[in-house]
Structures are given as structure tokens and as C-alpha cells.
C-alpha atoms as a PDB file:
ATOM      1  CA  MET A   1       0.000   0.000   0.000  1.00  0.00           C
ATOM      2  CA  ASN A   2       1.207   3.545  -0.773  1.00  0.00           C
ATOM      3  CA  ILE A   3       0.748   5.894   2.178  1.00  0.00           C
ATOM      4  CA  GLY A   4       1.046   9.697   1.908  1.00  0.00           C
ATOM      5  CA  LEU A   5       1.681  11.744   5.049  1.00  0.00           C
ATOM      6  CA  ASP A   6       2.032  15.429   5.833  1.00  0.00           C
ATOM      7  CA  ILE A   7       4.594  16.709   8.378  1.00  0.00           C
ATOM      8  CA  ASP A   8       3.447  19.833  10.239  1.00  0.00           C
ATOM      9  CA  ASP A   9       0.465  19.277  12.553  1.00  0.00           C
ATOM     10  CA  THR A  10       0.236  15.686  11.336  1.00  0.00           C
ATOM     11  CA  LEU A  11       3.583  14.184  12.285  1.00  0.00           C
ATOM     12  CA  THR A  12       4.175  17.076  14.707  1.00  0.00           C
ATOM     13  CA  ASN A  13       2.074  19.296  16.956  1.00  0.00           C
ATOM     14  CA  SER A  14       3.160  22.601  15.432  1.00  0.00           C
ATOM     15  CA  HIS A  15       0.048  24.535  16.455  1.00  0.00           C
ATOM     16  CA  GLU A  16       0.710  24.359  20.183  1.00  0.00           C
ATOM     17  CA  ASN A  17       4.236  25.664  19.697  1.00  0.00           C
ATOM     18  CA  ARG A  18       3.185  28.428  17.295  1.00  0.00           C
ATOM     19  CA  LEU A  19       0.618  29.622  19.814  1.00  0.00           C
ATOM     20  CA  ALA A  20       3.118  29.538  22.696  1.00  0.00           C
ATOM     21  CA  TYR A  21       5.940  31.270  20.789  1.00  0.00           C
ATOM     22  CA  GLY A  22       3.464  33.805  19.429  1.00  0.00           C
ATOM     23  CA  GLN A  23       2.115  34.686  22.859  1.00  0.00           C
ATOM     24  CA  LYS A  24       5.623  34.995  24.288  1.00  0.00           C
ATOM     25  CA  PHE A  25       6.554  37.373  21.445  1.00  0.00           C
ATOM     26  CA  ASP A  26       3.302  39.314  21.853  1.00  0.00           C
ATOM     27  CA  TYR A  27       3.623  39.802  25.622  1.00  0.00           C
ATOM     28  CA  GLU A  28       7.349  40.525  25.629  1.00  0.00           C
ATOM     29  CA  LYS A  29       7.747  42.650  22.472  1.00  0.00           C
ATOM     30  CA  LEU A  30       4.314  43.939  21.459  1.00  0.00           C
ATOM     31  CA  SER A  31       1.095  44.848  23.295  1.00  0.00           C
ATOM     32  CA  GLY A  32       0.069  41.475  24.690  1.00  0.00           C
ATOM     33  CA  LYS A  33      -3.306  42.028  23.026  1.00  0.00           C
ATOM     34  CA  ASN A  34      -2.835  40.487  19.587  1.00  0.00           C
ATOM     35  CA  LEU A  35      -4.343  37.027  20.161  1.00  0.00           C
ATOM     36  CA  ILE A  36      -7.497  36.972  18.031  1.00  0.00           C
ATOM     37  CA  ASN A  37      -8.037  33.322  17.180  1.00  0.00           C
ATOM     38  CA  PRO A  38      -6.332  30.608  19.233  1.00  0.00           C
ATOM     39  CA  TYR A  39      -7.986  28.124  16.876  1.00  0.00           C
ATOM     40  CA  GLY A  40      -6.236  29.467  13.764  1.00  0.00           C
ATOM     41  CA  ARG A  41      -3.741  27.236  11.963  1.00  0.00           C
ATOM     42  CA  ASP A  42      -0.939  29.655  11.169  1.00  0.00           C
ATOM     43  CA  THR A  43       0.450  32.472  13.294  1.00  0.00           C
ATOM     44  CA  ILE A  44      -0.932  35.123  10.948  1.00  0.00           C
ATOM     45  CA  GLU A  45      -4.431  33.655  11.599  1.00  0.00           C
ATOM     46  CA  ILE A  46      -3.881  33.339  15.356  1.00  0.00           C
ATOM     47  CA  PHE A  47      -2.560  36.857  15.987  1.00  0.00           C
ATOM     48  CA  ASN A  48      -3.647  40.272  14.785  1.00  0.00           C
ATOM     49  CA  TRP A  49      -0.337  41.564  13.527  1.00  0.00           C
ATOM     50  CA  SER A  50       1.459  42.459  10.360  1.00  0.00           C
ATOM     51  CA  GLU A  51       3.354  40.125   8.086  1.00  0.00           C
ATOM     52  CA  LYS A  52       6.500  41.922   9.273  1.00  0.00           C
ATOM     53  CA  ASN A  53       5.791  40.870  12.870  1.00  0.00           C
ATOM     54  CA  ASP A  54       5.029  37.345  11.679  1.00  0.00           C
ATOM     55  CA  PHE A  55       8.471  37.179  10.067  1.00  0.00           C
ATOM     56  CA  ARG A  56      10.020  38.612  13.267  1.00  0.00           C
ATOM     57  CA  LEU A  57       8.364  35.828  15.271  1.00  0.00           C
ATOM     58  CA  TRP A  58       9.694  33.167  12.926  1.00  0.00           C
ATOM     59  CA  PHE A  59      13.194  34.389  12.250  1.00  0.00           C
ATOM     60  CA  GLU A  60      14.138  36.621  15.198  1.00  0.00           C
ATOM     61  CA  GLU A  61      12.158  35.160  18.089  1.00  0.00           C
ATOM     62  CA  GLY A  62      13.011  31.471  17.699  1.00  0.00           C
ATOM     63  CA  LEU A  63       9.961  29.908  16.063  1.00  0.00           C
ATOM     64  CA  TYR A  64      11.937  28.879  12.975  1.00  0.00           C
ATOM     65  CA  GLU A  65      14.451  26.889  15.039  1.00  0.00           C
ATOM     66  CA  ALA A  66      11.693  25.426  17.185  1.00  0.00           C
ATOM     67  CA  GLU A  67       9.684  24.393  14.110  1.00  0.00           C
ATOM     68  CA  LYS A  68      12.692  22.467  12.799  1.00  0.00           C
ATOM     69  CA  ASN A  69      13.069  20.651  16.110  1.00  0.00           C
ATOM     70  CA  TYR A  70       9.551  19.706  17.207  1.00  0.00           C
ATOM     71  CA  PRO A  71       9.371  16.077  18.267  1.00  0.00           C
ATOM     72  CA  PRO A  72       7.049  13.718  16.421  1.00  0.00           C
ATOM     73  CA  ARG A  73       3.621  13.118  17.933  1.00  0.00           C
ATOM     74  CA  PRO A  74       3.405  10.123  20.274  1.00  0.00           C
ATOM     75  CA  PHE A  75       3.733   6.817  18.388  1.00  0.00           C
ATOM     76  CA  ALA A  76       4.096   8.504  14.961  1.00  0.00           C
ATOM     77  CA  LYS A  77       7.608   7.126  14.505  1.00  0.00           C
ATOM     78  CA  GLN A  78       6.658   3.633  15.676  1.00  0.00           C
ATOM     79  CA  VAL A  79       3.552   3.402  13.478  1.00  0.00           C
ATOM     80  CA  ILE A  80       5.273   4.738  10.357  1.00  0.00           C
ATOM     81  CA  ASN A  81       8.311   2.530  10.836  1.00  0.00           C
ATOM     82  CA  TYR A  82       6.175  -0.543  11.431  1.00  0.00           C
ATOM     83  CA  LEU A  83       4.172   0.122   8.263  1.00  0.00           C
ATOM     84  CA  TRP A  84       7.394   0.734   6.310  1.00  0.00           C
ATOM     85  CA  GLN A  85       9.000  -2.467   7.657  1.00  0.00           C
ATOM     86  CA  ASP A  86       5.827  -4.329   6.713  1.00  0.00           C
ATOM     87  CA  GLY A  87       6.465  -3.392   3.079  1.00  0.00           C
ATOM     88  CA  HIS A  88       4.237  -0.349   2.644  1.00  0.00           C
ATOM     89  CA  LYS A  89       5.672   2.628   0.797  1.00  0.00           C
ATOM     90  CA  ILE A  90       5.751   5.839   2.831  1.00  0.00           C
ATOM     91  CA  PHE A  91       5.633   9.146   0.966  1.00  0.00           C
ATOM     92  CA  ILE A  92       6.121  12.329   2.986  1.00  0.00           C
ATOM     93  CA  ILE A  93       4.153  15.061   1.196  1.00  0.00           C
ATOM     94  CA  SER A  94       4.596  18.542   2.660  1.00  0.00           C
ATOM     95  CA  SER A  95       3.756  22.101   1.704  1.00  0.00           C
ATOM     96  CA  ARG A  96       6.868  23.366   3.509  1.00  0.00           C
ATOM     97  CA  ASN A  97       8.322  26.103   1.336  1.00  0.00           C
ATOM     98  CA  LYS A  98      11.156  28.616   1.180  1.00  0.00           C
ATOM     99  CA  VAL A  99       9.041  31.364   2.731  1.00  0.00           C
ATOM    100  CA  TRP A 100       9.154  29.607   6.112  1.00  0.00           C
ATOM    101  CA  PHE A 101      12.089  27.207   5.728  1.00  0.00           C
ATOM    102  CA  HIS A 102      15.465  28.185   4.274  1.00  0.00           C
ATOM    103  CA  GLU A 103      15.957  24.729   2.734  1.00  0.00           C
ATOM    104  CA  PRO A 104      12.626  22.895   3.038  1.00  0.00           C
ATOM    105  CA  TYR A 105      13.841  19.617   1.530  1.00  0.00           C
ATOM    106  CA  GLU A 106      17.103  19.390   3.467  1.00  0.00           C
ATOM    107  CA  GLU A 107      15.554  20.545   6.742  1.00  0.00           C
ATOM    108  CA  SER A 108      12.667  18.088   6.419  1.00  0.00           C
ATOM    109  CA  LYS A 109      15.040  15.266   5.509  1.00  0.00           C
ATOM    110  CA  GLU A 110      17.242  16.092   8.520  1.00  0.00           C
ATOM    111  CA  TRP A 111      14.201  16.129  10.815  1.00  0.00           C
ATOM    112  CA  LEU A 112      13.018  12.732   9.545  1.00  0.00           C
ATOM    113  CA  GLU A 113      16.507  11.249   9.923  1.00  0.00           C
ATOM    114  CA  LYS A 114      17.062  12.776  13.382  1.00  0.00           C
ATOM    115  CA  ASN A 115      13.761  11.281  14.529  1.00  0.00           C
ATOM    116  CA  GLU A 116      14.532   7.953  12.816  1.00  0.00           C
ATOM    117  CA  ILE A 117      11.361   7.989  10.717  1.00  0.00           C
ATOM    118  CA  LYS A 118      11.514   5.649   7.727  1.00  0.00           C
ATOM    119  CA  TYR A 119      10.143   6.738   4.361  1.00  0.00           C
ATOM    120  CA  ASP A 120      10.568   6.040   0.662  1.00  0.00           C
ATOM    121  CA  GLN A 121      10.292   9.532  -0.823  1.00  0.00           C
ATOM    122  CA  LEU A 122      10.070  13.076   0.473  1.00  0.00           C
ATOM    123  CA  PHE A 123       8.269  15.865  -1.366  1.00  0.00           C
ATOM    124  CA  VAL A 124       8.219  19.507  -0.203  1.00  0.00           C
ATOM    125  CA  GLU A 125       6.800  22.719  -1.649  1.00  0.00           C
ATOM    126  CA  VAL A 126       3.811  20.698  -2.855  1.00  0.00           C
ATOM    127  CA  GLU A 127       1.011  23.036  -3.897  1.00  0.00           C
ATOM    128  CA  ASP A 128      -1.286  20.369  -5.350  1.00  0.00           C
ATOM    129  CA  LYS A 129      -1.222  17.357  -3.052  1.00  0.00           C
ATOM    130  CA  ALA A 130      -4.155  15.740  -4.862  1.00  0.00           C
ATOM    131  CA  LYS A 131      -2.279  15.707  -8.161  1.00  0.00           C
ATOM    132  CA  LEU A 132       0.831  14.257  -6.552  1.00  0.00           C
ATOM    133  CA  CYS A 133      -1.188  11.618  -4.699  1.00  0.00           C
ATOM    134  CA  LYS A 134      -2.721  10.559  -8.014  1.00  0.00           C
ATOM    135  CA  GLU A 135       0.687  10.420  -9.714  1.00  0.00           C
ATOM    136  CA  LEU A 136       2.125   8.327  -6.860  1.00  0.00           C
ATOM    137  CA  ASP A 137      -0.921   6.039  -6.758  1.00  0.00           C
ATOM    138  CA  ILE A 138      -1.433   6.810  -3.053  1.00  0.00           C
ATOM    139  CA  ASP A 139      -3.926   4.493  -1.322  1.00  0.00           C
ATOM    140  CA  VAL A 140      -4.141   6.298   2.031  1.00  0.00           C
ATOM    141  CA  PHE A 141      -3.371   9.951   2.786  1.00  0.00           C
ATOM    142  CA  MET A 142      -3.335  11.943   6.035  1.00  0.00           C
ATOM    143  CA  ASP A 143      -3.000  15.704   6.487  1.00  0.00           C
ATOM    144  CA  ASP A 144      -4.256  18.344   8.908  1.00  0.00           C
ATOM    145  CA  GLU A 145      -5.573  20.902   6.418  1.00  0.00           C
ATOM    146  CA  PRO A 146      -9.257  20.491   5.504  1.00  0.00           C
ATOM    147  CA  LEU A 147      -8.853  21.912   1.978  1.00  0.00           C
ATOM    148  CA  LYS A 148      -5.933  19.596   1.172  1.00  0.00           C
ATOM    149  CA  CYS A 149      -7.889  16.633   2.546  1.00  0.00           C
ATOM    150  CA  LEU A 150     -10.939  17.510   0.440  1.00  0.00           C
ATOM    151  CA  GLU A 151      -8.855  17.870  -2.714  1.00  0.00           C
ATOM    152  CA  VAL A 152      -7.183  14.495  -2.154  1.00  0.00           C
ATOM    153  CA  ALA A 153     -10.485  12.773  -1.295  1.00  0.00           C
ATOM    154  CA  ASN A 154     -11.960  14.250  -4.489  1.00  0.00           C
ATOM    155  CA  VAL A 155      -9.458  12.273  -6.597  1.00  0.00           C
ATOM    156  CA  GLY A 156     -10.529   9.011  -4.957  1.00  0.00           C
ATOM    157  CA  VAL A 157      -7.813   8.549  -2.325  1.00  0.00           C
ATOM    158  CA  LYS A 158      -8.844   7.276   1.142  1.00  0.00           C
ATOM    159  CA  THR A 159      -8.155  10.368   3.222  1.00  0.00           C
ATOM    160  CA  PHE A 160      -7.830  11.008   6.944  1.00  0.00           C
ATOM    161  CA  ILE A 161      -7.502  14.329   8.738  1.00  0.00           C
ATOM    162  CA  TYR A 162      -5.313  14.528  11.827  1.00  0.00           C
ATOM    163  CA  ASP A 163      -7.502  16.251  14.376  1.00  0.00           C
ATOM    164  CA  ASN A 164      -6.257  19.609  15.606  1.00  0.00           C
ATOM    165  CA  ILE A 165      -7.913  22.498  17.400  1.00  0.00           C
ATOM    166  CA  PHE A 166      -8.133  24.432  14.113  1.00  0.00           C
ATOM    167  CA  ASN A 167      -9.870  21.646  12.118  1.00  0.00           C
ATOM    168  CA  LYS A 168     -12.023  19.979  14.790  1.00  0.00           C
ATOM    169  CA  ASP A 169     -15.272  21.279  13.273  1.00  0.00           C
ATOM    170  CA  PHE A 170     -14.446  20.137   9.739  1.00  0.00           C
ATOM    171  CA  ARG A 171     -16.710  17.319   8.555  1.00  0.00           C
ATOM    172  CA  ASP A 172     -16.930  15.347   5.338  1.00  0.00           C
ATOM    173  CA  VAL A 173     -18.388  11.834   5.241  1.00  0.00           C
ATOM    174  CA  ARG A 174     -15.387  10.589   3.224  1.00  0.00           C
ATOM    175  CA  ILE A 175     -12.761  11.922   5.629  1.00  0.00           C
ATOM    176  CA  LYS A 176     -12.367  10.477   9.116  1.00  0.00           C
ATOM    177  CA  HIS A 177     -10.766  12.418  11.951  1.00  0.00           C
ATOM    178  CA  ILE A 178      -7.703  10.742  13.430  1.00  0.00           C
ATOM    179  CA  TYR A 179      -6.903  11.550  17.068  1.00  0.00           C
ATOM    180  CA  THR A 180      -3.753   9.455  17.575  1.00  0.00           C
ATOM    181  CA  TRP A 181      -1.219   7.593  15.478  1.00  0.00           C
ATOM    182  CA  ILE A 182      -2.398   4.354  17.088  1.00  0.00           C
ATOM    183  CA  GLN A 183      -5.856   4.981  15.635  1.00  0.00           C
ATOM    184  CA  PHE A 184      -4.293   5.654  12.218  1.00  0.00           C
ATOM    185  CA  TYR A 185      -2.439   2.329  12.372  1.00  0.00           C
ATOM    186  CA  TYR A 186      -5.659   0.410  13.005  1.00  0.00           C
ATOM    187  CA  GLU A 187      -7.502   2.332  10.263  1.00  0.00           C
ATOM    188  CA  VAL A 188      -4.770   1.309   7.795  1.00  0.00           C
ATOM    189  CA  LYS A 189      -5.022  -2.304   8.997  1.00  0.00           C
ATOM    190  CA  LYS A 190      -8.802  -2.156   8.499  1.00  0.00           C
ATOM    191  CA  LYS A 191      -8.351  -0.824   4.958  1.00  0.00           C
ATOM    192  CA  LEU A 192      -5.896  -3.651   4.220  1.00  0.00           C
ATOM    193  CA  LYS A 193      -8.344  -6.220   5.545  1.00  0.00           C
ATOM    194  CA  ASN A 194     -11.167  -4.771   3.432  1.00  0.00           C
ATOM    195  CA  LYS A 195      -8.950  -4.866   0.309  1.00  0.00           C
ATOM    196  CA  LYS A 196      -8.593  -8.648   0.510  1.00  0.00           C
END
């Protein structure tokens, strides 16, 4: 089976760190009054500040370094490595780009290696995940972004959304919310069983 996985807020819990770093920056350097949507996905959605302040947060206040070093979610490594060892192909499909990462491919590859996560291919700067999933003949895909999940489900790929505070209200009958990597493992096993 070909399995496609996102990194940020799927393999990691980026949101919690973005919120914490953003609030620290806001209270220590700005007014302490910029939090507008703790349920937003990206810092520019969470805080009412300029793009300039968003870049300051990332590149002067430590969020960039933190983002490169977040640990994987509990059991993500174990589940992915077990699936990989069992002969499934693991494709890491990320939207990480040069706006937020100096070298998105190298930094993502280093993170995967540092955390000992097995995979077959890594793709970054992916604008159209649905198209890539079709090209790679992906059987199962998981991401945290509702729009990306909808696009991939629309091309016939079994799609899961990793539940986060910013997507908890998203619903589509084709897309199941995943709350832990253990749950994802058993959903993949169920799909394998149903394929036989």
C-alpha cells in the first residue's frame, strides 16, 4: 500500500508551539493584546499583527528553530516505521516552502533522519497534493488541512484528517478524523483487511 503523510500538525504538533511562541513574542515585544483566534492554523491567523511581525516571530524570536526541532507526535515514529517495515511505501508530502524554511527539503530530511522515521520519498513545496497523490498512486493519505484533505479525497484517495484544534469542526463523510497515530495504524489495517 502507498501511504502519503504530511509533516506539520500531522507528524508534529506545530500549532501548540506556534501559539506559545506567538504569545511569548506578543507579551514581551508587542502589546500582549494580539491574540485573536487561538484556533487558527498559522500564526498570521492566530494573531492580529502584520506580516512583518510574523516574520520577526519566525526568524528573530526562535519559532523557525523550534519548528525544525519539534518532536514527532506520540507513536508517529513507531507506526510509520512498522508500516514501512511491513512493506508499505511511505511518501512524505509537505507544503513546507522557502518562505518559512530556508531549505525545506534538506531541513525536512534532517528532521526525519534525526527522529529515525523511515520513508521512501520526500516531497516539499507541494502546492497540489491531490495531483501528486494521483501520480504516486497513493492508497491512504493523512493531512491536517481540511482543503488539502478535500482535494485528495476528491481524486478518490482514502483520506484522513489529523484532528487539531483548528480543524475539529471540519466534517466530510469521506474523511475520518484521526486523534492518535495508534488509531491511524488500526484504520490502515482495516483498509488492508477490506482490500482482501
